[in-house]
C-alpha atoms as a PDB file:
ATOM      1  CA  MET A   1     -26.398-129.455-187.450  1.00  0.00           C
ATOM      2  CA  LYS A   2     -29.308-126.737-186.708  1.00  0.00           C
ATOM      3  CA  ASN A   3     -28.616-126.580-183.236  1.00  0.00           C
ATOM      4  CA  LEU A   4     -24.968-125.336-183.984  1.00  0.00           C
ATOM      5  CA  ILE A   5     -26.427-122.847-186.561  1.00  0.00           C
ATOM      6  CA  PHE A   6     -28.649-121.317-183.787  1.00  0.00           C
ATOM      7  CA  ALA A   7     -26.056-121.300-181.310  1.00  0.00           C
ATOM      8  CA  ILE A   8     -23.335-119.106-183.852  1.00  0.00           C
ATOM      9  CA  PHE A   9     -26.249-116.834-184.507  1.00  0.00           C
ATOM     10  CA  ALA A  10     -27.109-116.623-180.738  1.00  0.00           C
ATOM     11  CA  VAL A  11     -23.748-115.911-179.557  1.00  0.00           C
ATOM     12  CA  LEU A  12     -23.649-113.317-182.605  1.00  0.00           C
ATOM     13  CA  ALA A  13     -26.622-111.453-181.045  1.00  0.00           C
ATOM     14  CA  VAL A  14     -25.168-111.251-177.544  1.00  0.00           C
ATOM     15  CA  PHE A  15     -22.212-109.988-179.140  1.00  0.00           C
ATOM     16  CA  SER A  16     -23.192-107.459-181.750  1.00  0.00           C
ATOM     17  CA  CYS A  17     -21.176-104.242-181.545  1.00  0.00           C
ATOM     18  CA  ARG A  18     -24.622-102.277-181.976  1.00  0.00           C
ATOM     19  CA  SER A  19     -26.633-101.267-178.928  1.00  0.00           C
ATOM     20  CA  GLU A  20     -30.127-100.992-178.813  1.00  0.00           C
ATOM     21  CA  ASP A  21     -31.164 -98.755-175.884  1.00  0.00           C
ATOM     22  CA  ASP A  22     -33.745 -96.059-174.967  1.00  0.00           C
ATOM     23  CA  THR A  23     -31.109 -93.470-175.748  1.00  0.00           C
ATOM     24  CA  ASP A  24     -32.709 -90.082-174.793  1.00  0.00           C
ATOM     25  CA  VAL A  25     -33.723 -88.315-178.385  1.00  0.00           C
ATOM     26  CA  SER A  26     -34.412 -84.710-176.724  1.00  0.00           C
ATOM     27  CA  PRO A  27     -30.750 -83.519-177.932  1.00  0.00           C
ATOM     28  CA  VAL A  28     -31.623 -84.165-181.764  1.00  0.00           C
ATOM     29  CA  VAL A  29     -35.324 -82.894-181.227  1.00  0.00           C
ATOM     30  CA  GLY A  30     -36.747 -79.969-183.455  1.00  0.00           C
ATOM     31  CA  GLU A  31     -36.308 -78.589-186.969  1.00  0.00           C
ATOM     32  CA  TRP A  32     -33.165 -78.379-188.620  1.00  0.00           C
ATOM     33  CA  GLU A  33     -32.351 -76.564-191.618  1.00  0.00           C
ATOM     34  CA  TRP A  34     -29.819 -77.842-194.157  1.00  0.00           C
ATOM     35  CA  VAL A  35     -26.523 -75.455-194.128  1.00  0.00           C
ATOM     36  CA  SER A  36     -24.199 -77.585-196.348  1.00  0.00           C
ATOM     37  CA  SER A  37     -23.334 -81.222-197.644  1.00  0.00           C
ATOM     38  CA  ILE A  38     -19.495 -81.853-198.030  1.00  0.00           C
ATOM     39  CA  GLY A  39     -17.787 -85.126-199.058  1.00  0.00           C
ATOM     40  CA  GLY A  40     -17.768 -87.789-202.001  1.00  0.00           C
ATOM     41  CA  VAL A  41     -14.837 -88.722-204.588  1.00  0.00           C
ATOM     42  CA  GLY A  42     -14.145 -85.557-205.452  1.00  0.00           C
ATOM     43  CA  ASN A  43     -14.697 -84.042-201.522  1.00  0.00           C
ATOM     44  CA  THR A  44     -17.273 -81.586-202.950  1.00  0.00           C
ATOM     45  CA  THR A  45     -19.742 -78.740-200.950  1.00  0.00           C
ATOM     46  CA  GLU A  46     -23.040 -78.193-201.726  1.00  0.00           C
ATOM     47  CA  THR A  47     -24.943 -75.489-199.874  1.00  0.00           C
ATOM     48  CA  PRO A  48     -28.571 -74.281-200.447  1.00  0.00           C
ATOM     49  CA  ALA A  49     -27.272 -71.509-202.531  1.00  0.00           C
ATOM     50  CA  SER A  50     -25.275 -73.584-204.992  1.00  0.00           C
ATOM     51  CA  SER A  51     -28.011 -76.600-205.006  1.00  0.00           C
ATOM     52  CA  GLY A  52     -31.384 -74.237-204.923  1.00  0.00           C
ATOM     53  CA  LYS A  53     -32.329 -76.611-202.366  1.00  0.00           C
ATOM     54  CA  THR A  54     -33.908 -75.568-198.581  1.00  0.00           C
ATOM     55  CA  ILE A  55     -34.429 -78.836-197.022  1.00  0.00           C
ATOM     56  CA  ILE A  56     -35.687 -79.079-193.199  1.00  0.00           C
ATOM     57  CA  MET A  57     -35.345 -82.087-191.392  1.00  0.00           C
ATOM     58  CA  LYS A  58     -38.123 -82.505-188.327  1.00  0.00           C
ATOM     59  CA  LEU A  59     -37.120 -84.582-185.697  1.00  0.00           C
ATOM     60  CA  ASP A  60     -40.124 -84.997-183.108  1.00  0.00           C
ATOM     61  CA  SER A  61     -39.946 -86.204-179.473  1.00  0.00           C
ATOM     62  CA  ASP A  62     -42.604 -89.042-180.361  1.00  0.00           C
ATOM     63  CA  LYS A  63     -39.801 -90.538-182.598  1.00  0.00           C
ATOM     64  CA  LYS A  64     -41.406 -89.504-185.782  1.00  0.00           C
ATOM     65  CA  TYR A  65     -39.383 -87.685-188.328  1.00  0.00           C
ATOM     66  CA  THR A  66     -40.067 -85.591-192.070  1.00  0.00           C
ATOM     67  CA  ILE A  67     -37.677 -84.444-194.383  1.00  0.00           C
ATOM     68  CA  THR A  68     -38.646 -81.792-196.868  1.00  0.00           C
ATOM     69  CA  THR A  69     -37.124 -80.338-199.644  1.00  0.00           C
ATOM     70  CA  ASN A  70     -38.533 -76.958-201.034  1.00  0.00           C
ATOM     71  CA  GLY A  71     -41.767 -77.406-199.185  1.00  0.00           C
ATOM     72  CA  THR A  72     -42.048 -80.923-200.462  1.00  0.00           C
ATOM     73  CA  VAL A  73     -42.092 -84.119-197.947  1.00  0.00           C
ATOM     74  CA  ASN A  74     -39.775 -86.440-199.768  1.00  0.00           C
ATOM     75  CA  ASN A  75     -38.989 -88.846-196.823  1.00  0.00           C
ATOM     76  CA  GLU A  76     -40.763 -89.282-193.241  1.00  0.00           C
ATOM     77  CA  GLY A  77     -41.390 -92.005-191.198  1.00  0.00           C
ATOM     78  CA  THR A  78     -39.902 -92.820-187.858  1.00  0.00           C
ATOM     79  CA  PHE A  79     -36.293 -92.776-185.863  1.00  0.00           C
ATOM     80  CA  SER A  80     -34.358 -93.787-182.976  1.00  0.00           C
ATOM     81  CA  LEU A  81     -30.615 -93.258-181.678  1.00  0.00           C
ATOM     82  CA  TYR A  82     -28.208 -96.218-181.130  1.00  0.00           C
ATOM     83  CA  LYS A  83     -24.897 -96.071-179.860  1.00  0.00           C
ATOM     84  CA  ASN A  84     -22.348 -98.128-182.363  1.00  0.00           C
ATOM     85  CA  VAL A  85     -18.441 -98.746-183.430  1.00  0.00           C
ATOM     86  CA  SER A  86     -17.892 -96.406-185.774  1.00  0.00           C
ATOM     87  CA  ASN A  87     -16.276 -97.864-189.242  1.00  0.00           C
ATOM     88  CA  LEU A  88     -14.343 -94.846-189.658  1.00  0.00           C
ATOM     89  CA  GLU A  89     -13.209 -93.734-186.367  1.00  0.00           C
ATOM     90  CA  HIS A  90     -13.204 -96.980-184.395  1.00  0.00           C
ATOM     91  CA  TYR A  91     -14.773 -95.779-181.066  1.00  0.00           C
ATOM     92  CA  GLU A  92     -18.534 -95.721-179.899  1.00  0.00           C
ATOM     93  CA  ARG A  93     -20.922 -93.318-181.724  1.00  0.00           C
ATOM     94  CA  VAL A  94     -24.305 -92.150-181.695  1.00  0.00           C
ATOM     95  CA  TYR A  95     -26.054 -93.008-184.441  1.00  0.00           C
ATOM     96  CA  ILE A  96     -29.666 -92.026-185.942  1.00  0.00           C
ATOM     97  CA  ASP A  97     -31.987 -94.797-187.398  1.00  0.00           C
ATOM     98  CA  PHE A  98     -34.361 -93.627-190.240  1.00  0.00           C
ATOM     99  CA  SER A  99     -36.996 -95.779-190.807  1.00  0.00           C
ATOM    100  CA  ASN A 100     -36.639 -94.804-194.343  1.00  0.00           C
ATOM    101  CA  ALA A 101     -33.445 -93.426-194.851  1.00  0.00           C
ATOM    102  CA  PRO A 102     -29.909 -94.746-194.371  1.00  0.00           C
ATOM    103  CA  ASP A 103     -28.745 -94.510-190.450  1.00  0.00           C
ATOM    104  CA  GLN A 104     -26.585 -91.187-190.258  1.00  0.00           C
ATOM    105  CA  MET A 105     -23.876 -90.881-187.079  1.00  0.00           C
ATOM    106  CA  ILE A 106     -23.867 -87.779-185.016  1.00  0.00           C
ATOM    107  CA  VAL A 107     -20.572 -86.030-185.453  1.00  0.00           C
ATOM    108  CA  ASN A 108     -21.628 -83.251-183.209  1.00  0.00           C
ATOM    109  CA  ASN A 109     -24.883 -82.180-181.609  1.00  0.00           C
ATOM    110  CA  GLU A 110     -25.045 -78.522-180.239  1.00  0.00           C
ATOM    111  CA  GLU A 111     -27.552 -76.800-179.058  1.00  0.00           C
ATOM    112  CA  LYS A 112     -27.895 -74.711-182.479  1.00  0.00           C
ATOM    113  CA  THR A 113     -25.789 -77.538-184.697  1.00  0.00           C
ATOM    114  CA  LEU A 114     -26.427 -80.743-185.783  1.00  0.00           C
ATOM    115  CA  ILE A 115     -23.610 -82.527-187.864  1.00  0.00           C
ATOM    116  CA  LEU A 116     -24.461 -86.024-189.180  1.00  0.00           C
ATOM    117  CA  SER A 117     -22.294 -88.426-191.457  1.00  0.00           C
ATOM    118  CA  ASP A 118     -22.374 -91.782-193.893  1.00  0.00           C
ATOM    119  CA  ASP A 119     -19.635 -93.316-191.550  1.00  0.00           C
ATOM    120  CA  VAL A 120     -18.120 -94.446-194.650  1.00  0.00           C
ATOM    121  CA  ASN A 121     -15.215 -93.624-196.974  1.00  0.00           C
ATOM    122  CA  ASP A 122     -15.905 -91.242-199.152  1.00  0.00           C
ATOM    123  CA  GLY A 123     -19.274 -90.578-197.761  1.00  0.00           C
ATOM    124  CA  TYR A 124     -20.817 -87.104-196.752  1.00  0.00           C
ATOM    125  CA  THR A 125     -20.857 -84.904-193.790  1.00  0.00           C
ATOM    126  CA  TYR A 126     -24.443 -82.935-193.432  1.00  0.00           C
ATOM    127  CA  THR A 127     -24.492 -79.730-191.300  1.00  0.00           C
ATOM    128  CA  TYR A 128     -27.973 -78.526-190.098  1.00  0.00           C
ATOM    129  CA  LYS A 129     -28.505 -75.638-187.889  1.00  0.00           C
ATOM    130  CA  LYS A 130     -31.764 -75.374-185.647  1.00  0.00           C
ATOM    131  CA  LYS A 131     -34.479 -73.286-186.937  1.00  0.00           C
END
């Protein structure tokens, strides 16, 4: 019985959808200033002007991150990038795995704009601009 359980877990590990590779983090490295959050059950929009919050997400090349709100650190740790099949779109996307926060799917990553998503129904989409 133990061998059967071990075999099942081994097969699942081999065929897991999540692809852990050494994805280059350089496209997301930098200081990102929060622009807006859109989503939730009522599809609400929150911005720095409407919330009174200035949120900065700093992603370093050594894979450490810091998130500050109004100048106060409220989350920090390490991050990595990985590929996985999106729950909503059903095709492969790149995700950010934060050590102390929920993973975020990268929707768009241009030179000056980073858009992240919760990848769940009624989740939020977060837009950041590079500082």
